[in-house]
């Protein structure tokens, strides 16, 4: 399955890239309570706590800032629901 979401932002590209590179913006992309676990150069690791079917759950994501201003992301998957979940914010 592939899901593509697209929307246009009426701001200059440099401004959008600058905001995407802020940790606060990165954490705001995720639902629930998110925290930054690690920050190493162009890579960030986050953990989000959320409720799923009445149960507490956590999701860990790795984000990599790329030279073109985009952000690649990958969810750490346990195989119970997702085998792989990755994408690109550009």
PDB file of N, CA and C in Angstrom:
ATOM      1  N   UNK A   1       0.846  -1.172   0.000  1.00  0.00           N
ATOM      2  CA  UNK A   1       0.000   0.000   0.000  1.00  0.00           C
ATOM      3  C   UNK A   1       0.889   1.232   0.000  1.00  0.00           C
ATOM      4  N   UNK A   2       0.509   2.220  -0.738  1.00  0.00           N
ATOM      5  CA  UNK A   2       1.226   3.491  -0.755  1.00  0.00           C
ATOM      6  C   UNK A   2       0.216   4.597  -0.550  1.00  0.00           C
ATOM      7  N   UNK A   3       0.538   5.506   0.351  1.00  0.00           N
ATOM      8  CA  UNK A   3      -0.325   6.635   0.645  1.00  0.00           C
ATOM      9  C   UNK A   3       0.449   7.907   0.339  1.00  0.00           C
ATOM     10  N   UNK A   4      -0.128   8.754  -0.463  1.00  0.00           N
ATOM     11  CA  UNK A   4       0.504  10.026  -0.803  1.00  0.00           C
ATOM     12  C   UNK A   4      -0.414  11.147  -0.377  1.00  0.00           C
ATOM     13  N   UNK A   5       0.113  12.037   0.441  1.00  0.00           N
ATOM     14  CA  UNK A   5      -0.628  13.218   0.873  1.00  0.00           C
ATOM     15  C   UNK A   5       0.115  14.421   0.326  1.00  0.00           C
ATOM     16  N   UNK A   6      -0.621  15.349  -0.236  1.00  0.00           N
ATOM     17  CA  UNK A   6      -0.006  16.518  -0.837  1.00  0.00           C
ATOM     18  C   UNK A   6      -0.795  17.757  -0.484  1.00  0.00           C
ATOM     19  N   UNK A   7      -0.086  18.824  -0.132  1.00  0.00           N
ATOM     20  CA  UNK A   7      -0.725  20.112   0.059  1.00  0.00           C
ATOM     21  C   UNK A   7       0.299  21.196  -0.237  1.00  0.00           C
ATOM     22  N   UNK A   8      -0.184  22.360  -0.592  1.00  0.00           N
ATOM     23  CA  UNK A   8       0.683  23.474  -0.962  1.00  0.00           C
ATOM     24  C   UNK A   8       0.757  24.454   0.194  1.00  0.00           C
ATOM     25  N   UNK A   9       1.933  24.992   0.400  1.00  0.00           N
ATOM     26  CA  UNK A   9       2.167  25.978   1.447  1.00  0.00           C
ATOM     27  C   UNK A   9       2.511  27.286   0.755  1.00  0.00           C
ATOM     28  N   UNK A  10       1.814  28.344   1.130  1.00  0.00           N
ATOM     29  CA  UNK A  10       2.024  29.634   0.456  1.00  0.00           C
ATOM     30  C   UNK A  10       3.110  30.461   1.149  1.00  0.00           C
ATOM     31  N   UNK A  11       4.251  29.843   1.377  1.00  0.00           N
ATOM     32  CA  UNK A  11       5.408  30.515   1.968  1.00  0.00           C
ATOM     33  C   UNK A  11       6.612  30.200   1.090  1.00  0.00           C
ATOM     34  N   UNK A  12       7.635  31.045   1.136  1.00  0.00           N
ATOM     35  CA  UNK A  12       8.844  30.753   0.367  1.00  0.00           C
ATOM     36  C   UNK A  12       9.482  29.434   0.820  1.00  0.00           C
ATOM     37  N   UNK A  13      10.067  28.711  -0.127  1.00  0.00           N
ATOM     38  CA  UNK A  13      10.659  27.401   0.164  1.00  0.00           C
ATOM     39  C   UNK A  13      11.699  27.474   1.281  1.00  0.00           C
ATOM     40  N   UNK A  14      12.543  28.499   1.288  1.00  0.00           N
ATOM     41  CA  UNK A  14      13.574  28.615   2.330  1.00  0.00           C
ATOM     42  C   UNK A  14      12.956  28.720   3.722  1.00  0.00           C
ATOM     43  N   UNK A  15      11.848  29.438   3.842  1.00  0.00           N
ATOM     44  CA  UNK A  15      11.166  29.582   5.126  1.00  0.00           C
ATOM     45  C   UNK A  15      10.562  28.248   5.580  1.00  0.00           C
ATOM     46  N   UNK A  16       9.971  27.528   4.650  1.00  0.00           N
ATOM     47  CA  UNK A  16       9.377  26.237   4.977  1.00  0.00           C
ATOM     48  C   UNK A  16      10.466  25.257   5.433  1.00  0.00           C
ATOM     49  N   UNK A  17      11.569  25.206   4.724  1.00  0.00           N
ATOM     50  CA  UNK A  17      12.676  24.315   5.087  1.00  0.00           C
ATOM     51  C   UNK A  17      13.208  24.675   6.473  1.00  0.00           C
ATOM     52  N   UNK A  18      13.366  25.972   6.737  1.00  0.00           N
ATOM     53  CA  UNK A  18      13.867  26.409   8.049  1.00  0.00           C
ATOM     54  C   UNK A  18      12.935  25.941   9.170  1.00  0.00           C
ATOM     55  N   UNK A  19      11.637  26.061   8.957  1.00  0.00           N
ATOM     56  CA  UNK A  19      10.678  25.631   9.991  1.00  0.00           C
ATOM     57  C   UNK A  19      10.647  24.117  10.144  1.00  0.00           C
ATOM     58  N   UNK A  20      10.739  23.389   9.042  1.00  0.00           N
ATOM     59  CA  UNK A  20      10.755  21.932   9.122  1.00  0.00           C
ATOM     60  C   UNK A  20      11.964  21.415   9.899  1.00  0.00           C
ATOM     61  N   UNK A  21      13.048  22.160   9.876  1.00  0.00           N
ATOM     62  CA  UNK A  21      14.272  21.739  10.551  1.00  0.00           C
ATOM     63  C   UNK A  21      14.267  22.042  12.049  1.00  0.00           C
ATOM     64  N   UNK A  22      13.218  22.655  12.557  1.00  0.00           N
ATOM     65  CA  UNK A  22      13.129  22.939  13.995  1.00  0.00           C
ATOM     66  C   UNK A  22      12.549  21.722  14.708  1.00  0.00           C
ATOM     67  N   UNK A  23      13.154  21.360  15.836  1.00  0.00           N
ATOM     68  CA  UNK A  23      12.691  20.188  16.582  1.00  0.00           C
ATOM     69  C   UNK A  23      11.223  20.318  16.989  1.00  0.00           C
ATOM     70  N   UNK A  24      10.787  21.513  17.357  1.00  0.00           N
ATOM     71  CA  UNK A  24       9.394  21.722  17.773  1.00  0.00           C
ATOM     72  C   UNK A  24       8.428  21.396  16.627  1.00  0.00           C
ATOM     73  N   UNK A  25       8.784  21.742  15.401  1.00  0.00           N
ATOM     74  CA  UNK A  25       7.938  21.428  14.244  1.00  0.00           C
ATOM     75  C   UNK A  25       7.894  19.926  14.020  1.00  0.00           C
ATOM     76  N   UNK A  26       9.037  19.295  14.127  1.00  0.00           N
ATOM     77  CA  UNK A  26       9.117  17.848  13.957  1.00  0.00           C
ATOM     78  C   UNK A  26       8.212  17.133  14.958  1.00  0.00           C
ATOM     79  N   UNK A  27       8.256  17.530  16.210  1.00  0.00           N
ATOM     80  CA  UNK A  27       7.432  16.899  17.245  1.00  0.00           C
ATOM     81  C   UNK A  27       5.947  17.177  17.029  1.00  0.00           C
ATOM     82  N   UNK A  28       5.623  18.328  16.452  1.00  0.00           N
ATOM     83  CA  UNK A  28       4.222  18.683  16.201  1.00  0.00           C
ATOM     84  C   UNK A  28       3.607  17.864  15.062  1.00  0.00           C
ATOM     85  N   UNK A  29       4.428  17.233  14.235  1.00  0.00           N
ATOM     86  CA  UNK A  29       3.919  16.405  13.142  1.00  0.00           C
ATOM     87  C   UNK A  29       3.253  15.132  13.649  1.00  0.00           C
ATOM     88  N   UNK A  30       3.578  14.722  14.877  1.00  0.00           N
ATOM     89  CA  UNK A  30       3.114  13.447  15.414  1.00  0.00           C
ATOM     90  C   UNK A  30       1.968  13.653  16.399  1.00  0.00           C
ATOM     91  N   UNK A  31       0.963  12.796  16.365  1.00  0.00           N
ATOM     92  CA  UNK A  31      -0.137  12.912  17.328  1.00  0.00           C
ATOM     93  C   UNK A  31       0.290  12.360  18.689  1.00  0.00           C
ATOM     94  N   UNK A  32      -0.328  12.822  19.745  1.00  0.00           N
ATOM     95  CA  UNK A  32      -0.011  12.319  21.077  1.00  0.00           C
ATOM     96  C   UNK A  32       1.108  13.110  21.728  1.00  0.00           C
ATOM     97  N   UNK A  33       1.648  12.565  22.816  1.00  0.00           N
ATOM     98  CA  UNK A  33       2.756  13.201  23.529  1.00  0.00           C
ATOM     99  C   UNK A  33       4.069  12.745  22.912  1.00  0.00           C
ATOM    100  N   UNK A  34       4.783  13.667  22.301  1.00  0.00           N
ATOM    101  CA  UNK A  34       6.032  13.323  21.627  1.00  0.00           C
ATOM    102  C   UNK A  34       7.213  13.952  22.339  1.00  0.00           C
ATOM    103  N   UNK A  35       8.336  13.231  22.320  1.00  0.00           N
ATOM    104  CA  UNK A  35       9.563  13.756  22.904  1.00  0.00           C
ATOM    105  C   UNK A  35      10.738  13.401  22.007  1.00  0.00           C
ATOM    106  N   UNK A  36      11.756  14.227  22.077  1.00  0.00           N
ATOM    107  CA  UNK A  36      12.973  13.997  21.320  1.00  0.00           C
ATOM    108  C   UNK A  36      13.872  13.093  22.158  1.00  0.00           C
ATOM    109  N   UNK A  37      14.229  11.915  21.643  1.00  0.00           N
ATOM    110  CA  UNK A  37      15.082  10.977  22.363  1.00  0.00           C
ATOM    111  C   UNK A  37      16.552  11.193  22.064  1.00  0.00           C
ATOM    112  N   UNK A  38      16.863  11.495  20.807  1.00  0.00           N
ATOM    113  CA  UNK A  38      18.262  11.651  20.408  1.00  0.00           C
ATOM    114  C   UNK A  38      18.362  12.637  19.254  1.00  0.00           C
ATOM    115  N   UNK A  39      19.457  13.362  19.262  1.00  0.00           N
ATOM    116  CA  UNK A  39      19.747  14.321  18.201  1.00  0.00           C
ATOM    117  C   UNK A  39      21.219  14.180  17.864  1.00  0.00           C
ATOM    118  N   UNK A  40      21.495  13.668  16.666  1.00  0.00           N
ATOM    119  CA  UNK A  40      22.876  13.415  16.267  1.00  0.00           C
ATOM    120  C   UNK A  40      23.081  13.916  14.845  1.00  0.00           C
ATOM    121  N   UNK A  41      23.643  15.106  14.708  1.00  0.00           N
ATOM    122  CA  UNK A  41      23.868  15.694  13.393  1.00  0.00           C
ATOM    123  C   UNK A  41      22.560  15.935  12.675  1.00  0.00           C
ATOM    124  N   UNK A  42      22.364  15.256  11.539  1.00  0.00           N
ATOM    125  CA  UNK A  42      21.152  15.443  10.741  1.00  0.00           C
ATOM    126  C   UNK A  42      20.073  14.410  11.062  1.00  0.00           C
ATOM    127  N   UNK A  43      20.236  13.650  12.137  1.00  0.00           N
ATOM    128  CA  UNK A  43      19.282  12.594  12.500  1.00  0.00           C
ATOM    129  C   UNK A  43      18.642  12.885  13.857  1.00  0.00           C
ATOM    130  N   UNK A  44      17.318  12.728  13.912  1.00  0.00           N
ATOM    131  CA  UNK A  44      16.569  12.886  15.158  1.00  0.00           C
ATOM    132  C   UNK A  44      15.776  11.605  15.401  1.00  0.00           C
ATOM    133  N   UNK A  45      15.660  11.220  16.663  1.00  0.00           N
ATOM    134  CA  UNK A  45      14.839  10.081  17.049  1.00  0.00           C
ATOM    135  C   UNK A  45      13.807  10.578  18.046  1.00  0.00           C
ATOM    136  N   UNK A  46      12.547  10.237  17.791  1.00  0.00           N
ATOM    137  CA  UNK A  46      11.457  10.675  18.660  1.00  0.00           C
ATOM    138  C   UNK A  46      10.688   9.470  19.196  1.00  0.00           C
ATOM    139  N   UNK A  47       9.997   9.708  20.297  1.00  0.00           N
ATOM    140  CA  UNK A  47       9.076   8.701  20.829  1.00  0.00           C
ATOM    141  C   UNK A  47       7.753   9.400  21.101  1.00  0.00           C
ATOM    142  N   UNK A  48       6.676   8.783  20.680  1.00  0.00           N
ATOM    143  CA  UNK A  48       5.340   9.331  20.875  1.00  0.00           C
ATOM    144  C   UNK A  48       4.500   8.337  21.653  1.00  0.00           C
ATOM    145  N   UNK A  49       3.864   8.823  22.699  1.00  0.00           N
ATOM    146  CA  UNK A  49       2.917   8.013  23.469  1.00  0.00           C
ATOM    147  C   UNK A  49       1.505   8.368  22.998  1.00  0.00           C
ATOM    148  N   UNK A  50       0.695   7.349  22.762  1.00  0.00           N
ATOM    149  CA  UNK A  50      -0.672   7.570  22.303  1.00  0.00           C
ATOM    150  C   UNK A  50      -1.546   6.414  22.788  1.00  0.00           C
ATOM    151  N   UNK A  51      -2.839   6.551  22.621  1.00  0.00           N
ATOM    152  CA  UNK A  51      -3.780   5.488  22.987  1.00  0.00           C
ATOM    153  C   UNK A  51      -4.322   4.848  21.716  1.00  0.00           C
ATOM    154  N   UNK A  52      -4.336   3.521  21.701  1.00  0.00           N
ATOM    155  CA  UNK A  52      -4.835   2.764  20.548  1.00  0.00           C
ATOM    156  C   UNK A  52      -5.784   1.684  21.071  1.00  0.00           C
ATOM    157  N   UNK A  53      -7.023   1.753  20.669  1.00  0.00           N
ATOM    158  CA  UNK A  53      -8.031   0.786  21.104  1.00  0.00           C
ATOM    159  C   UNK A  53      -8.091   0.688  22.624  1.00  0.00           C
ATOM    160  N   UNK A  54      -7.982   1.849  23.272  1.00  0.00           N
ATOM    161  CA  UNK A  54      -8.059   1.902  24.725  1.00  0.00           C
ATOM    162  C   UNK A  54      -6.786   1.509  25.445  1.00  0.00           C
ATOM    163  N   UNK A  55      -5.734   1.192  24.707  1.00  0.00           N
ATOM    164  CA  UNK A  55      -4.458   0.776  25.283  1.00  0.00           C
ATOM    165  C   UNK A  55      -3.389   1.839  25.057  1.00  0.00           C
ATOM    166  N   UNK A  56      -2.497   1.987  26.019  1.00  0.00           N
ATOM    167  CA  UNK A  56      -1.348   2.873  25.843  1.00  0.00           C
ATOM    168  C   UNK A  56      -0.392   2.228  24.847  1.00  0.00           C
ATOM    169  N   UNK A  57       0.185   3.028  23.987  1.00  0.00           N
ATOM    170  CA  UNK A  57       1.154   2.523  23.015  1.00  0.00           C
ATOM    171  C   UNK A  57       2.217   3.587  22.781  1.00  0.00           C
ATOM    172  N   UNK A  58       3.336   3.176  22.214  1.00  0.00           N
ATOM    173  CA  UNK A  58       4.399   4.118  21.866  1.00  0.00           C
ATOM    174  C   UNK A  58       4.844   3.856  20.435  1.00  0.00           C
ATOM    175  N   UNK A  59       5.309   4.906  19.801  1.00  0.00           N
ATOM    176  CA  UNK A  59       5.861   4.805  18.449  1.00  0.00           C
ATOM    177  C   UNK A  59       7.190   5.548  18.433  1.00  0.00           C
ATOM    178  N   UNK A  60       8.195   4.919  17.887  1.00  0.00           N
ATOM    179  CA  UNK A  60       9.517   5.537  17.761  1.00  0.00           C
ATOM    180  C   UNK A  60       9.784   5.790  16.283  1.00  0.00           C
ATOM    181  N   UNK A  61      10.197   7.009  15.977  1.00  0.00           N
ATOM    182  CA  UNK A  61      10.512   7.395  14.602  1.00  0.00           C
ATOM    183  C   UNK A  61      11.937   7.916  14.518  1.00  0.00           C
ATOM    184  N   UNK A  62      12.585   7.638  13.395  1.00  0.00           N
ATOM    185  CA  UNK A  62      13.874   8.231  13.049  1.00  0.00           C
ATOM    186  C   UNK A  62      13.619   9.202  11.899  1.00  0.00           C
ATOM    187  N   UNK A  63      14.114  10.421  12.036  1.00  0.00           N
ATOM    188  CA  UNK A  63      14.009  11.443  11.000  1.00  0.00           C
ATOM    189  C   UNK A  63      15.415  11.830  10.566  1.00  0.00           C
ATOM    190  N   UNK A  64      15.616  11.952   9.262  1.00  0.00           N
ATOM    191  CA  UNK A  64      16.913  12.364   8.722  1.00  0.00           C
ATOM    192  C   UNK A  64      16.698  13.575   7.824  1.00  0.00           C
ATOM    193  N   UNK A  65      17.364  14.669   8.180  1.00  0.00           N
ATOM    194  CA  UNK A  65      17.300  15.888   7.363  1.00  0.00           C
ATOM    195  C   UNK A  65      18.227  15.711   6.177  1.00  0.00           C
ATOM    196  N   UNK A  66      17.677  15.890   4.979  1.00  0.00           N
ATOM    197  CA  UNK A  66      18.456  15.688   3.762  1.00  0.00           C
ATOM    198  C   UNK A  66      18.942  17.016   3.205  1.00  0.00           C
ATOM    199  N   UNK A  67      19.960  16.965   2.377  1.00  0.00           N
ATOM    200  CA  UNK A  67      20.593  18.168   1.818  1.00  0.00           C
ATOM    201  C   UNK A  67      19.625  19.013   0.981  1.00  0.00           C
ATOM    202  N   UNK A  68      18.614  18.394   0.385  1.00  0.00           N
ATOM    203  CA  UNK A  68      17.673  19.142  -0.458  1.00  0.00           C
ATOM    204  C   UNK A  68      16.569  19.829   0.347  1.00  0.00           C
ATOM    205  N   UNK A  69      16.621  19.727   1.701  1.00  0.00           N
ATOM    206  CA  UNK A  69      15.624  20.370   2.550  1.00  0.00           C
ATOM    207  C   UNK A  69      14.474  19.457   2.933  1.00  0.00           C
ATOM    208  N   UNK A  70      14.446  18.248   2.417  1.00  0.00           N
ATOM    209  CA  UNK A  70      13.382  17.305   2.775  1.00  0.00           C
ATOM    210  C   UNK A  70      13.777  16.535   4.036  1.00  0.00           C
ATOM    211  N   UNK A  71      12.815  15.821   4.589  1.00  0.00           N
ATOM    212  CA  UNK A  71      13.050  15.012   5.779  1.00  0.00           C
ATOM    213  C   UNK A  71      12.561  13.596   5.492  1.00  0.00           C
ATOM    214  N   UNK A  72      13.467  12.639   5.558  1.00  0.00           N
ATOM    215  CA  UNK A  72      13.093  11.232   5.421  1.00  0.00           C
ATOM    216  C   UNK A  72      12.736  10.721   6.815  1.00  0.00           C
ATOM    217  N   UNK A  73      11.716   9.860   6.898  1.00  0.00           N
ATOM    218  CA  UNK A  73      11.366   9.307   8.200  1.00  0.00           C
ATOM    219  C   UNK A  73      11.095   7.814   8.098  1.00  0.00           C
ATOM    220  N   UNK A  74      11.292   7.147   9.229  1.00  0.00           N
ATOM    221  CA  UNK A  74      11.066   5.711   9.302  1.00  0.00           C
ATOM    222  C   UNK A  74      10.587   5.374  10.708  1.00  0.00           C
ATOM    223  N   UNK A  75       9.512   4.616  10.796  1.00  0.00           N
ATOM    224  CA  UNK A  75       8.996   4.168  12.085  1.00  0.00           C
ATOM    225  C   UNK A  75       9.698   2.868  12.451  1.00  0.00           C
ATOM    226  N   UNK A  76      10.064   2.731  13.717  1.00  0.00           N
ATOM    227  CA  UNK A  76      10.601   1.472  14.197  1.00  0.00           C
ATOM    228  C   UNK A  76       9.411   0.535  14.369  1.00  0.00           C
ATOM    229  N   UNK A  77       9.348  -0.503  13.551  1.00  0.00           N
ATOM    230  CA  UNK A  77       8.182  -1.393  13.516  1.00  0.00           C
ATOM    231  C   UNK A  77       8.505  -2.727  14.172  1.00  0.00           C
ATOM    232  N   UNK A  78       7.517  -3.277  14.902  1.00  0.00           N
ATOM    233  CA  UNK A  78       7.695  -4.574  15.544  1.00  0.00           C
ATOM    234  C   UNK A  78       7.064  -5.710  14.740  1.00  0.00           C
ATOM    235  N   UNK A  79       6.424  -5.378  13.624  1.00  0.00           N
ATOM    236  CA  UNK A  79       5.830  -6.392  12.765  1.00  0.00           C
ATOM    237  C   UNK A  79       4.419  -6.790  13.146  1.00  0.00           C
ATOM    238  N   UNK A  80       3.916  -6.324  14.305  1.00  0.00           N
ATOM    239  CA  UNK A  80       2.566  -6.695  14.708  1.00  0.00           C
ATOM    240  C   UNK A  80       1.525  -5.977  13.854  1.00  0.00           C
ATOM    241  N   UNK A  81       1.744  -4.705  13.579  1.00  0.00           N
ATOM    242  CA  UNK A  81       0.819  -3.947  12.742  1.00  0.00           C
ATOM    243  C   UNK A  81       1.493  -3.572  11.423  1.00  0.00           C
ATOM    244  N   UNK A  82       2.687  -3.011  11.505  1.00  0.00           N
ATOM    245  CA  UNK A  82       3.422  -2.575  10.320  1.00  0.00           C
ATOM    246  C   UNK A  82       4.728  -3.356  10.218  1.00  0.00           C
ATOM    247  N   UNK A  83       5.042  -3.804   9.036  1.00  0.00           N
ATOM    248  CA  UNK A  83       6.369  -4.371   8.793  1.00  0.00           C
ATOM    249  C   UNK A  83       7.350  -3.243   8.495  1.00  0.00           C
ATOM    250  N   UNK A  84       6.833  -2.224   7.804  1.00  0.00           N
ATOM    251  CA  UNK A  84       7.660  -1.073   7.447  1.00  0.00           C
ATOM    252  C   UNK A  84       6.748   0.145   7.287  1.00  0.00           C
ATOM    253  N   UNK A  85       7.215   1.260   7.788  1.00  0.00           N
ATOM    254  CA  UNK A  85       6.515   2.512   7.597  1.00  0.00           C
ATOM    255  C   UNK A  85       7.580   3.583   7.424  1.00  0.00           C
ATOM    256  N   UNK A  86       7.677   4.119   6.225  1.00  0.00           N
ATOM    257  CA  UNK A  86       8.686   5.135   5.949  1.00  0.00           C
ATOM    258  C   UNK A  86       8.118   6.124   4.944  1.00  0.00           C
ATOM    259  N   UNK A  87       8.753   7.274   4.865  1.00  0.00           N
ATOM    260  CA  UNK A  87       8.263   8.277   3.943  1.00  0.00           C
ATOM    261  C   UNK A  87       9.192   9.466   3.841  1.00  0.00           C
ATOM    262  N   UNK A  88       8.679  10.524   3.235  1.00  0.00           N
ATOM    263  CA  UNK A  88       9.470  11.716   2.966  1.00  0.00           C
ATOM    264  C   UNK A  88       8.577  12.931   3.078  1.00  0.00           C
ATOM    265  N   UNK A  89       9.040  13.920   3.834  1.00  0.00           N
ATOM    266  CA  UNK A  89       8.382  15.225   3.882  1.00  0.00           C
ATOM    267  C   UNK A  89       9.239  16.139   3.030  1.00  0.00           C
ATOM    268  N   UNK A  90       8.643  16.666   1.961  1.00  0.00           N
ATOM    269  CA  UNK A  90       9.442  17.512   1.053  1.00  0.00           C
ATOM    270  C   UNK A  90       8.664  18.757   0.688  1.00  0.00           C
TER     271      UNK A  90
END
